[in-house]
Amino acid sequence: MSTISNALRPGENGFIWPTVPETAANQFLQYDYDLARRVSLGNIPAFEELYQRHQRRVYSLCLRMTNNIPEAEDLTQEVFIHLFHKIGSFRGDSAFTTWLHRLTVNKVLMYF
């Protein structure tokens, strides 16, 4: 039997596709989504964890855009303050990191 026919197993109503195992990337995305929901409910420890998970990414983006360390540090802080107030607008249509990236870019652009 070929690998394709091994992947497809006949069932009562045709073929049954094998289930996709939960990947580390999917777990990471789901965990960020769960943290965002908890933060939107006012959970401060969840906000602290979200900050710890994404602070370096936000700072790196701010630094690339400003090319100035003190401004990047200030903007990173402002992004997370803004995030705390706007987290309720995160719908989960995209990855949390995509939403955070856009929030960061917008904040830096409004700074100049």
PDB file of N, CA and C in Angstrom:
ATOM      1  N   MET A   1       0.828  -1.183   0.000  1.00  0.00           N
ATOM      2  CA  MET A   1       0.000   0.000   0.000  1.00  0.00           C
ATOM      3  C   MET A   1       0.874   1.249   0.000  1.00  0.00           C
ATOM      4  N   SER A   2       0.491   2.253  -0.753  1.00  0.00           N
ATOM      5  CA  SER A   2       1.280   3.483  -0.791  1.00  0.00           C
ATOM      6  C   SER A   2       1.024   4.323   0.459  1.00  0.00           C
ATOM      7  N   THR A   3       1.864   5.350   0.657  1.00  0.00           N
ATOM      8  CA  THR A   3       1.687   6.215   1.827  1.00  0.00           C
ATOM      9  C   THR A   3       0.378   6.988   1.758  1.00  0.00           C
ATOM     10  N   ILE A   4      -0.065   7.344   0.557  1.00  0.00           N
ATOM     11  CA  ILE A   4      -1.336   8.058   0.435  1.00  0.00           C
ATOM     12  C   ILE A   4      -2.480   7.160   0.874  1.00  0.00           C
ATOM     13  N   SER A   5      -2.475   5.936   0.408  1.00  0.00           N
ATOM     14  CA  SER A   5      -3.573   5.055   0.798  1.00  0.00           C
ATOM     15  C   SER A   5      -3.475   4.644   2.265  1.00  0.00           C
ATOM     16  N   ASN A   6      -2.291   4.709   2.861  1.00  0.00           N
ATOM     17  CA  ASN A   6      -2.166   4.467   4.293  1.00  0.00           C
ATOM     18  C   ASN A   6      -2.764   5.622   5.093  1.00  0.00           C
ATOM     19  N   ALA A   7      -2.628   6.844   4.556  1.00  0.00           N
ATOM     20  CA  ALA A   7      -3.141   8.020   5.251  1.00  0.00           C
ATOM     21  C   ALA A   7      -4.663   8.055   5.219  1.00  0.00           C
ATOM     22  N   LEU A   8      -5.263   7.507   4.163  1.00  0.00           N
ATOM     23  CA  LEU A   8      -6.717   7.482   4.040  1.00  0.00           C
ATOM     24  C   LEU A   8      -7.205   6.088   4.389  1.00  0.00           C
ATOM     25  N   ARG A   9      -8.012   6.004   5.405  1.00  0.00           N
ATOM     26  CA  ARG A   9      -8.544   4.713   5.814  1.00  0.00           C
ATOM     27  C   ARG A   9     -10.014   4.640   5.412  1.00  0.00           C
ATOM     28  N   PRO A  10     -10.413   3.569   4.775  1.00  0.00           N
ATOM     29  CA  PRO A  10     -11.828   3.480   4.397  1.00  0.00           C
ATOM     30  C   PRO A  10     -12.703   3.374   5.643  1.00  0.00           C
ATOM     31  N   GLY A  11     -13.825   4.035   5.603  1.00  0.00           N
ATOM     32  CA  GLY A  11     -14.800   3.968   6.679  1.00  0.00           C
ATOM     33  C   GLY A  11     -16.152   3.610   6.102  1.00  0.00           C
ATOM     34  N   GLU A  12     -17.182   3.637   6.942  1.00  0.00           N
ATOM     35  CA  GLU A  12     -18.524   3.297   6.477  1.00  0.00           C
ATOM     36  C   GLU A  12     -18.988   4.233   5.364  1.00  0.00           C
ATOM     37  N   ASN A  13     -18.757   5.527   5.522  1.00  0.00           N
ATOM     38  CA  ASN A  13     -19.248   6.513   4.556  1.00  0.00           C
ATOM     39  C   ASN A  13     -18.121   7.084   3.716  1.00  0.00           C
ATOM     40  N   GLY A  14     -17.230   6.294   3.275  1.00  0.00           N
ATOM     41  CA  GLY A  14     -16.113   6.779   2.479  1.00  0.00           C
ATOM     42  C   GLY A  14     -14.844   6.776   3.298  1.00  0.00           C
ATOM     43  N   PHE A  15     -14.002   7.782   3.059  1.00  0.00           N
ATOM     44  CA  PHE A  15     -12.724   7.828   3.751  1.00  0.00           C
ATOM     45  C   PHE A  15     -12.825   8.638   5.038  1.00  0.00           C
ATOM     46  N   ILE A  16     -12.091   8.222   6.020  1.00  0.00           N
ATOM     47  CA  ILE A  16     -11.985   8.956   7.279  1.00  0.00           C
ATOM     48  C   ILE A  16     -10.582   9.539   7.328  1.00  0.00           C
ATOM     49  N   TRP A  17     -10.505  10.853   7.423  1.00  0.00           N
ATOM     50  CA  TRP A  17      -9.204  11.507   7.494  1.00  0.00           C
ATOM     51  C   TRP A  17      -8.663  11.363   8.905  1.00  0.00           C
ATOM     52  N   PRO A  18      -7.373  11.105   9.027  1.00  0.00           N
ATOM     53  CA  PRO A  18      -6.791  11.013  10.369  1.00  0.00           C
ATOM     54  C   PRO A  18      -6.825  12.376  11.049  1.00  0.00           C
ATOM     55  N   THR A  19      -6.929  12.354  12.353  1.00  0.00           N
ATOM     56  CA  THR A  19      -6.944  13.614  13.093  1.00  0.00           C
ATOM     57  C   THR A  19      -5.546  14.211  13.116  1.00  0.00           C
ATOM     58  N   VAL A  20      -5.502  15.527  13.127  1.00  0.00           N
ATOM     59  CA  VAL A  20      -4.224  16.233  13.167  1.00  0.00           C
ATOM     60  C   VAL A  20      -3.822  16.376  14.628  1.00  0.00           C
ATOM     61  N   PRO A  21      -2.631  15.908  14.977  1.00  0.00           N
ATOM     62  CA  PRO A  21      -2.225  16.027  16.373  1.00  0.00           C
ATOM     63  C   PRO A  21      -2.033  17.487  16.759  1.00  0.00           C
ATOM     64  N   GLU A  22      -2.277  17.792  18.008  1.00  0.00           N
ATOM     65  CA  GLU A  22      -2.081  19.150  18.529  1.00  0.00           C
ATOM     66  C   GLU A  22      -0.587  19.468  18.461  1.00  0.00           C
ATOM     67  N   THR A  23      -0.249  20.529  17.765  1.00  0.00           N
ATOM     68  CA  THR A  23       1.151  20.903  17.631  1.00  0.00           C
ATOM     69  C   THR A  23       1.510  21.935  18.695  1.00  0.00           C
ATOM     70  N   ALA A  24       2.793  22.101  18.903  1.00  0.00           N
ATOM     71  CA  ALA A  24       3.259  23.095  19.870  1.00  0.00           C
ATOM     72  C   ALA A  24       2.841  24.498  19.437  1.00  0.00           C
ATOM     73  N   ALA A  25       2.864  24.759  18.123  1.00  0.00           N
ATOM     74  CA  ALA A  25       2.463  26.084  17.625  1.00  0.00           C
ATOM     75  C   ALA A  25       0.996  26.350  17.921  1.00  0.00           C
ATOM     76  N   ASN A  26       0.144  25.359  17.711  1.00  0.00           N
ATOM     77  CA  ASN A  26      -1.282  25.528  18.013  1.00  0.00           C
ATOM     78  C   ASN A  26      -1.506  25.751  19.497  1.00  0.00           C
ATOM     79  N   GLN A  27      -0.767  25.046  20.329  1.00  0.00           N
ATOM     80  CA  GLN A  27      -0.890  25.224  21.773  1.00  0.00           C
ATOM     81  C   GLN A  27      -0.451  26.623  22.191  1.00  0.00           C
ATOM     82  N   PHE A  28       0.621  27.123  21.569  1.00  0.00           N
ATOM     83  CA  PHE A  28       1.124  28.464  21.857  1.00  0.00           C
ATOM     84  C   PHE A  28       0.070  29.509  21.509  1.00  0.00           C
ATOM     85  N   LEU A  29      -0.544  29.370  20.317  1.00  0.00           N
ATOM     86  CA  LEU A  29      -1.571  30.311  19.873  1.00  0.00           C
ATOM     87  C   LEU A  29      -2.792  30.262  20.788  1.00  0.00           C
ATOM     88  N   GLN A  30      -3.197  29.070  21.158  1.00  0.00           N
ATOM     89  CA  GLN A  30      -4.360  28.918  22.027  1.00  0.00           C
ATOM     90  C   GLN A  30      -4.077  29.506  23.413  1.00  0.00           C
ATOM     91  N   TYR A  31      -2.864  29.326  23.911  1.00  0.00           N
ATOM     92  CA  TYR A  31      -2.507  29.847  25.230  1.00  0.00           C
ATOM     93  C   TYR A  31      -2.526  31.375  25.225  1.00  0.00           C
ATOM     94  N   ASP A  32      -2.012  31.992  24.155  1.00  0.00           N
ATOM     95  CA  ASP A  32      -2.070  33.449  24.037  1.00  0.00           C
ATOM     96  C   ASP A  32      -3.511  33.931  23.990  1.00  0.00           C
ATOM     97  N   TYR A  33      -4.345  33.220  23.255  1.00  0.00           N
ATOM     98  CA  TYR A  33      -5.764  33.583  23.179  1.00  0.00           C
ATOM     99  C   TYR A  33      -6.405  33.511  24.568  1.00  0.00           C
ATOM    100  N   ASP A  34      -6.118  32.441  25.300  1.00  0.00           N
ATOM    101  CA  ASP A  34      -6.664  32.281  26.653  1.00  0.00           C
ATOM    102  C   ASP A  34      -6.162  33.382  27.581  1.00  0.00           C
ATOM    103  N   LEU A  35      -4.870  33.710  27.490  1.00  0.00           N
ATOM    104  CA  LEU A  35      -4.325  34.805  28.301  1.00  0.00           C
ATOM    105  C   LEU A  35      -5.015  36.119  27.970  1.00  0.00           C
ATOM    106  N   ALA A  36      -5.208  36.387  26.693  1.00  0.00           N
ATOM    107  CA  ALA A  36      -5.867  37.630  26.271  1.00  0.00           C
ATOM    108  C   ALA A  36      -7.279  37.710  26.837  1.00  0.00           C
ATOM    109  N   ARG A  37      -8.004  36.615  26.812  1.00  0.00           N
ATOM    110  CA  ARG A  37      -9.359  36.596  27.369  1.00  0.00           C
ATOM    111  C   ARG A  37      -9.321  36.878  28.878  1.00  0.00           C
ATOM    112  N   ARG A  38      -8.378  36.261  29.581  1.00  0.00           N
ATOM    113  CA  ARG A  38      -8.275  36.482  31.026  1.00  0.00           C
ATOM    114  C   ARG A  38      -7.897  37.923  31.332  1.00  0.00           C
ATOM    115  N   VAL A  39      -7.004  38.502  30.526  1.00  0.00           N
ATOM    116  CA  VAL A  39      -6.623  39.904  30.720  1.00  0.00           C
ATOM    117  C   VAL A  39      -7.835  40.807  30.488  1.00  0.00           C
ATOM    118  N   SER A  40      -8.636  40.496  29.476  1.00  0.00           N
ATOM    119  CA  SER A  40      -9.808  41.319  29.178  1.00  0.00           C
ATOM    120  C   SER A  40     -10.817  41.293  30.319  1.00  0.00           C
ATOM    121  N   LEU A  41     -10.735  40.274  31.161  1.00  0.00           N
ATOM    122  CA  LEU A  41     -11.603  40.183  32.338  1.00  0.00           C
ATOM    123  C   LEU A  41     -10.968  40.837  33.569  1.00  0.00           C
ATOM    124  N   GLY A  42      -9.783  41.437  33.389  1.00  0.00           N
ATOM    125  CA  GLY A  42      -9.124  42.156  34.472  1.00  0.00           C
ATOM    126  C   GLY A  42      -8.136  41.342  35.283  1.00  0.00           C
ATOM    127  N   ASN A  43      -7.719  40.209  34.782  1.00  0.00           N
ATOM    128  CA  ASN A  43      -6.786  39.334  35.492  1.00  0.00           C
ATOM    129  C   ASN A  43      -5.363  39.890  35.358  1.00  0.00           C
ATOM    130  N   ILE A  44      -4.855  40.499  36.433  1.00  0.00           N
ATOM    131  CA  ILE A  44      -3.535  41.135  36.415  1.00  0.00           C
ATOM    132  C   ILE A  44      -2.404  40.108  36.257  1.00  0.00           C
ATOM    133  N   PRO A  45      -2.417  38.972  36.958  1.00  0.00           N
ATOM    134  CA  PRO A  45      -1.356  37.978  36.733  1.00  0.00           C
ATOM    135  C   PRO A  45      -1.297  37.497  35.277  1.00  0.00           C
ATOM    136  N   ALA A  46      -2.433  37.408  34.605  1.00  0.00           N
ATOM    137  CA  ALA A  46      -2.438  37.020  33.185  1.00  0.00           C
ATOM    138  C   ALA A  46      -1.784  38.110  32.349  1.00  0.00           C
ATOM    139  N   PHE A  47      -2.031  39.382  32.697  1.00  0.00           N
ATOM    140  CA  PHE A  47      -1.387  40.485  31.985  1.00  0.00           C
ATOM    141  C   PHE A  47       0.126  40.432  32.181  1.00  0.00           C
ATOM    142  N   GLU A  48       0.565  40.161  33.406  1.00  0.00           N
ATOM    143  CA  GLU A  48       2.003  40.056  33.675  1.00  0.00           C
ATOM    144  C   GLU A  48       2.629  38.946  32.841  1.00  0.00           C
ATOM    145  N   GLU A  49       1.934  37.824  32.728  1.00  0.00           N
ATOM    146  CA  GLU A  49       2.469  36.717  31.925  1.00  0.00           C
ATOM    147  C   GLU A  49       2.492  37.074  30.444  1.00  0.00           C
ATOM    148  N   LEU A  50       1.452  37.743  29.966  1.00  0.00           N
ATOM    149  CA  LEU A  50       1.420  38.191  28.578  1.00  0.00           C
ATOM    150  C   LEU A  50       2.569  39.154  28.310  1.00  0.00           C
ATOM    151  N   TYR A  51       2.829  40.035  29.251  1.00  0.00           N
ATOM    152  CA  TYR A  51       3.949  40.967  29.131  1.00  0.00           C
ATOM    153  C   TYR A  51       5.272  40.208  29.056  1.00  0.00           C
ATOM    154  N   GLN A  52       5.471  39.251  29.948  1.00  0.00           N
ATOM    155  CA  GLN A  52       6.717  38.474  29.957  1.00  0.00           C
ATOM    156  C   GLN A  52       6.909  37.704  28.655  1.00  0.00           C
ATOM    157  N   ARG A  53       5.837  37.197  28.097  1.00  0.00           N
ATOM    158  CA  ARG A  53       5.920  36.406  26.863  1.00  0.00           C
ATOM    159  C   ARG A  53       6.230  37.252  25.635  1.00  0.00           C
ATOM    160  N   HIS A  54       5.797  38.536  25.627  1.00  0.00           N
ATOM    161  CA  HIS A  54       5.864  39.319  24.389  1.00  0.00           C
ATOM    162  C   HIS A  54       6.659  40.613  24.497  1.00  0.00           C
ATOM    163  N   GLN A  55       7.206  40.927  25.640  1.00  0.00           N
ATOM    164  CA  GLN A  55       7.921  42.186  25.830  1.00  0.00           C
ATOM    165  C   GLN A  55       9.111  42.314  24.885  1.00  0.00           C
ATOM    166  N   ARG A  56       9.893  41.265  24.744  1.00  0.00           N
ATOM    167  CA  ARG A  56      11.072  41.337  23.870  1.00  0.00           C
ATOM    168  C   ARG A  56      10.689  41.566  22.411  1.00  0.00           C
ATOM    169  N   ARG A  57       9.634  40.915  21.977  1.00  0.00           N
ATOM    170  CA  ARG A  57       9.166  41.061  20.595  1.00  0.00           C
ATOM    171  C   ARG A  57       8.719  42.500  20.326  1.00  0.00           C
ATOM    172  N   VAL A  58       7.964  43.082  21.261  1.00  0.00           N
ATOM    173  CA  VAL A  58       7.482  44.455  21.101  1.00  0.00           C
ATOM    174  C   VAL A  58       8.659  45.429  21.147  1.00  0.00           C
ATOM    175  N   TYR A  59       9.564  45.224  22.103  1.00  0.00           N
ATOM    176  CA  TYR A  59      10.731  46.105  22.212  1.00  0.00           C
ATOM    177  C   TYR A  59      11.580  46.046  20.935  1.00  0.00           C
ATOM    178  N   SER A  60      11.796  44.861  20.408  1.00  0.00           N
ATOM    179  CA  SER A  60      12.603  44.703  19.185  1.00  0.00           C
ATOM    180  C   SER A  60      11.978  45.443  18.014  1.00  0.00           C
ATOM    181  N   LEU A  61      10.668  45.340  17.884  1.00  0.00           N
ATOM    182  CA  LEU A  61       9.977  46.042  16.805  1.00  0.00           C
ATOM    183  C   LEU A  61      10.073  47.560  16.989  1.00  0.00           C
ATOM    184  N   CYS A  62       9.874  48.030  18.211  1.00  0.00           N
ATOM    185  CA  CYS A  62       9.991  49.468  18.489  1.00  0.00           C
ATOM    186  C   CYS A  62      11.407  49.957  18.205  1.00  0.00           C
ATOM    187  N   LEU A  63      12.392  49.179  18.583  1.00  0.00           N
ATOM    188  CA  LEU A  63      13.780  49.561  18.352  1.00  0.00           C
ATOM    189  C   LEU A  63      14.104  49.602  16.858  1.00  0.00           C
ATOM    190  N   ARG A  64      13.616  48.625  16.109  1.00  0.00           N
ATOM    191  CA  ARG A  64      13.834  48.626  14.658  1.00  0.00           C
ATOM    192  C   ARG A  64      13.196  49.846  14.000  1.00  0.00           C
ATOM    193  N   MET A  65      12.045  50.227  14.497  1.00  0.00           N
ATOM    194  CA  MET A  65      11.329  51.341  13.870  1.00  0.00           C
ATOM    195  C   MET A  65      11.877  52.710  14.283  1.00  0.00           C
ATOM    196  N   THR A  66      12.414  52.814  15.501  1.00  0.00           N
ATOM    197  CA  THR A  66      12.891  54.112  15.989  1.00  0.00           C
ATOM    198  C   THR A  66      14.398  54.263  15.903  1.00  0.00           C
ATOM    199  N   ASN A  67      15.107  53.147  15.984  1.00  0.00           N
ATOM    200  CA  ASN A  67      16.566  53.149  16.017  1.00  0.00           C
ATOM    201  C   ASN A  67      17.089  53.998  17.189  1.00  0.00           C
ATOM    202  N   ASN A  68      16.327  53.967  18.294  1.00  0.00           N
ATOM    203  CA  ASN A  68      16.668  54.764  19.465  1.00  0.00           C
ATOM    204  C   ASN A  68      16.252  53.977  20.705  1.00  0.00           C
ATOM    205  N   ILE A  69      17.228  53.601  21.532  1.00  0.00           N
ATOM    206  CA  ILE A  69      16.949  52.732  22.675  1.00  0.00           C
ATOM    207  C   ILE A  69      15.977  53.364  23.677  1.00  0.00           C
ATOM    208  N   PRO A  70      16.209  54.609  24.142  1.00  0.00           N
ATOM    209  CA  PRO A  70      15.256  55.182  25.113  1.00  0.00           C
ATOM    210  C   PRO A  70      13.826  55.312  24.546  1.00  0.00           C
ATOM    211  N   GLU A  71      13.705  55.705  23.288  1.00  0.00           N
ATOM    212  CA  GLU A  71      12.372  55.798  22.680  1.00  0.00           C
ATOM    213  C   GLU A  71      11.726  54.424  22.563  1.00  0.00           C
ATOM    214  N   ALA A  72      12.504  53.421  22.210  1.00  0.00           N
ATOM    215  CA  ALA A  72      11.972  52.062  22.094  1.00  0.00           C
ATOM    216  C   ALA A  72      11.486  51.553  23.450  1.00  0.00           C
ATOM    217  N   GLU A  73      12.233  51.856  24.508  1.00  0.00           N
ATOM    218  CA  GLU A  73      11.805  51.449  25.855  1.00  0.00           C
ATOM    219  C   GLU A  73      10.508  52.137  26.245  1.00  0.00           C
ATOM    220  N   ASP A  74      10.418  53.448  25.997  1.00  0.00           N
ATOM    221  CA  ASP A  74       9.200  54.197  26.319  1.00  0.00           C
ATOM    222  C   ASP A  74       8.010  53.686  25.515  1.00  0.00           C
ATOM    223  N   LEU A  75       8.230  53.464  24.228  1.00  0.00           N
ATOM    224  CA  LEU A  75       7.146  52.986  23.381  1.00  0.00           C
ATOM    225  C   LEU A  75       6.693  51.581  23.757  1.00  0.00           C
ATOM    226  N   THR A  76       7.620  50.745  24.170  1.00  0.00           N
ATOM    227  CA  THR A  76       7.253  49.399  24.621  1.00  0.00           C
ATOM    228  C   THR A  76       6.304  49.495  25.806  1.00  0.00           C
ATOM    229  N   GLN A  77       6.637  50.364  26.739  1.00  0.00           N
ATOM    230  CA  GLN A  77       5.772  50.554  27.903  1.00  0.00           C
ATOM    231  C   GLN A  77       4.400  51.090  27.470  1.00  0.00           C
ATOM    232  N   GLU A  78       4.394  52.047  26.555  1.00  0.00           N
ATOM    233  CA  GLU A  78       3.131  52.610  26.079  1.00  0.00           C
ATOM    234  C   GLU A  78       2.288  51.571  25.343  1.00  0.00           C
ATOM    235  N   VAL A  79       2.939  50.704  24.583  1.00  0.00           N
ATOM    236  CA  VAL A  79       2.207  49.653  23.863  1.00  0.00           C
ATOM    237  C   VAL A  79       1.483  48.761  24.853  1.00  0.00           C
ATOM    238  N   PHE A  80       2.141  48.371  25.935  1.00  0.00           N
ATOM    239  CA  PHE A  80       1.502  47.466  26.882  1.00  0.00           C
ATOM    240  C   PHE A  80       0.428  48.163  27.708  1.00  0.00           C
ATOM    241  N   ILE A  81       0.568  49.438  27.952  1.00  0.00           N
ATOM    242  CA  ILE A  81      -0.515  50.185  28.600  1.00  0.00           C
ATOM    243  C   ILE A  81      -1.718  50.232  27.661  1.00  0.00           C
ATOM    244  N   HIS A  82      -1.449  50.535  26.393  1.00  0.00           N
ATOM    245  CA  HIS A  82      -2.509  50.572  25.390  1.00  0.00           C
ATOM    246  C   HIS A  82      -3.151  49.191  25.237  1.00  0.00           C
ATOM    247  N   LEU A  83      -2.322  48.153  25.231  1.00  0.00           N
ATOM    248  CA  LEU A  83      -2.824  46.781  25.133  1.00  0.00           C
ATOM    249  C   LEU A  83      -3.791  46.488  26.271  1.00  0.00           C
ATOM    250  N   PHE A  84      -3.441  46.895  27.487  1.00  0.00           N
ATOM    251  CA  PHE A  84      -4.295  46.615  28.648  1.00  0.00           C
ATOM    252  C   PHE A  84      -5.681  47.230  28.465  1.00  0.00           C
ATOM    253  N   HIS A  85      -5.732  48.412  27.870  1.00  0.00           N
ATOM    254  CA  HIS A  85      -7.013  49.091  27.668  1.00  0.00           C
ATOM    255  C   HIS A  85      -7.777  48.565  26.453  1.00  0.00           C
ATOM    256  N   LYS A  86      -7.060  48.029  25.453  1.00  0.00           N
ATOM    257  CA  LYS A  86      -7.692  47.607  24.198  1.00  0.00           C
ATOM    258  C   LYS A  86      -7.818  46.098  24.034  1.00  0.00           C
ATOM    259  N   ILE A  87      -7.404  45.327  25.019  1.00  0.00           N
ATOM    260  CA  ILE A  87      -7.380  43.874  24.863  1.00  0.00           C
ATOM    261  C   ILE A  87      -8.773  43.303  24.580  1.00  0.00           C
ATOM    262  N   GLY A  88      -9.794  43.991  25.023  1.00  0.00           N
ATOM    263  CA  GLY A  88     -11.162  43.536  24.757  1.00  0.00           C
ATOM    264  C   GLY A  88     -11.519  43.571  23.284  1.00  0.00           C
ATOM    265  N   SER A  89     -10.788  44.336  22.488  1.00  0.00           N
ATOM    266  CA  SER A  89     -11.068  44.402  21.049  1.00  0.00           C
ATOM    267  C   SER A  89     -10.416  43.254  20.282  1.00  0.00           C
ATOM    268  N   PHE A  90      -9.582  42.457  20.960  1.00  0.00           N
ATOM    269  CA  PHE A  90      -8.981  41.290  20.297  1.00  0.00           C
ATOM    270  C   PHE A  90     -10.050  40.215  20.180  1.00  0.00           C
ATOM    271  N   ARG A  91     -10.423  39.893  18.933  1.00  0.00           N
ATOM    272  CA  ARG A  91     -11.495  38.931  18.681  1.00  0.00           C
ATOM    273  C   ARG A  91     -10.989  37.512  18.469  1.00  0.00           C
ATOM    274  N   GLY A  92      -9.705  37.357  18.222  1.00  0.00           N
ATOM    275  CA  GLY A  92      -9.173  36.030  17.969  1.00  0.00           C
ATOM    276  C   GLY A  92      -9.289  35.599  16.521  1.00  0.00           C
ATOM    277  N   ASP A  93      -9.635  36.548  15.618  1.00  0.00           N
ATOM    278  CA  ASP A  93      -9.712  36.212  14.188  1.00  0.00           C
ATOM    279  C   ASP A  93      -8.333  35.899  13.616  1.00  0.00           C
ATOM    280  N   SER A  94      -7.311  36.482  14.220  1.00  0.00           N
ATOM    281  CA  SER A  94      -5.930  36.226  13.806  1.00  0.00           C
ATOM    282  C   SER A  94      -5.151  35.805  15.052  1.00  0.00           C
ATOM    283  N   ALA A  95      -3.901  35.485  14.859  1.00  0.00           N
ATOM    284  CA  ALA A  95      -3.052  35.142  16.006  1.00  0.00           C
ATOM    285  C   ALA A  95      -2.876  36.383  16.886  1.00  0.00           C
ATOM    286  N   PHE A  96      -2.735  36.180  18.173  1.00  0.00           N
ATOM    287  CA  PHE A  96      -2.539  37.299  19.087  1.00  0.00           C
ATOM    288  C   PHE A  96      -1.297  38.095  18.692  1.00  0.00           C
ATOM    289  N   THR A  97      -0.249  37.405  18.261  1.00  0.00           N
ATOM    290  CA  THR A  97       0.986  38.094  17.887  1.00  0.00           C
ATOM    291  C   THR A  97       0.776  39.009  16.685  1.00  0.00           C
ATOM    292  N   THR A  98      -0.108  38.629  15.777  1.00  0.00           N
ATOM    293  CA  THR A  98      -0.429  39.489  14.632  1.00  0.00           C
ATOM    294  C   THR A  98      -1.118  40.760  15.112  1.00  0.00           C
ATOM    295  N   TRP A  99      -2.080  40.598  15.988  1.00  0.00           N
ATOM    296  CA  TRP A  99      -2.796  41.741  16.556  1.00  0.00           C
ATOM    297  C   TRP A  99      -1.841  42.654  17.323  1.00  0.00           C
ATOM    298  N   LEU A 100      -0.969  42.057  18.131  1.00  0.00           N
ATOM    299  CA  LEU A 100      -0.011  42.830  18.915  1.00  0.00           C
ATOM    300  C   LEU A 100       0.983  43.556  18.013  1.00  0.00           C
ATOM    301  N   HIS A 101       1.419  42.925  16.954  1.00  0.00           N
ATOM    302  CA  HIS A 101       2.329  43.556  15.995  1.00  0.00           C
ATOM    303  C   HIS A 101       1.680  44.806  15.400  1.00  0.00           C
ATOM    304  N   ARG A 102       0.426  44.686  14.972  1.00  0.00           N
ATOM    305  CA  ARG A 102      -0.288  45.824  14.377  1.00  0.00           C
ATOM    306  C   ARG A 102      -0.481  46.937  15.411  1.00  0.00           C
ATOM    307  N   LEU A 103      -0.823  46.563  16.631  1.00  0.00           N
ATOM    308  CA  LEU A 103      -0.985  47.540  17.716  1.00  0.00           C
ATOM    309  C   LEU A 103       0.325  48.293  17.949  1.00  0.00           C
ATOM    310  N   THR A 104       1.433  47.565  17.932  1.00  0.00           N
ATOM    311  CA  THR A 104       2.754  48.164  18.150  1.00  0.00           C
ATOM    312  C   THR A 104       3.128  49.103  17.012  1.00  0.00           C
ATOM    313  N   VAL A 105       2.963  48.657  15.785  1.00  0.00           N
ATOM    314  CA  VAL A 105       3.292  49.493  14.630  1.00  0.00           C
ATOM    315  C   VAL A 105       2.467  50.779  14.665  1.00  0.00           C
ATOM    316  N   ASN A 106       1.179  50.655  14.928  1.00  0.00           N
ATOM    317  CA  ASN A 106       0.324  51.835  14.985  1.00  0.00           C
ATOM    318  C   ASN A 106       0.770  52.811  16.077  1.00  0.00           C
ATOM    319  N   LYS A 107       1.148  52.267  17.231  1.00  0.00           N
ATOM    320  CA  LYS A 107       1.580  53.113  18.333  1.00  0.00           C
ATOM    321  C   LYS A 107       2.872  53.863  17.964  1.00  0.00           C
ATOM    322  N   VAL A 108       3.816  53.178  17.356  1.00  0.00           N
ATOM    323  CA  VAL A 108       5.072  53.811  16.952  1.00  0.00           C
ATOM    324  C   VAL A 108       4.813  54.867  15.881  1.00  0.00           C
ATOM    325  N   LEU A 109       3.972  54.553  14.915  1.00  0.00           N
ATOM    326  CA  LEU A 109       3.680  55.510  13.854  1.00  0.00           C
ATOM    327  C   LEU A 109       2.983  56.767  14.394  1.00  0.00           C
ATOM    328  N   MET A 110       2.134  56.594  15.393  1.00  0.00           N
ATOM    329  CA  MET A 110       1.455  57.744  15.977  1.00  0.00           C
ATOM    330  C   MET A 110       2.405  58.584  16.825  1.00  0.00           C
ATOM    331  N   TYR A 111       3.499  57.982  17.247  1.00  0.00           N
ATOM    332  CA  TYR A 111       4.494  58.678  18.069  1.00  0.00           C
ATOM    333  C   TYR A 111       5.221  59.741  17.247  1.00  0.00           C
ATOM    334  N   PHE A 112       5.389  59.481  15.966  1.00  0.00           N
ATOM    335  CA  PHE A 112       6.154  60.388  15.108  1.00  0.00           C
ATOM    336  C   PHE A 112       5.270  61.326  14.334  1.00  0.00           C
TER     337      PHE A 112
END
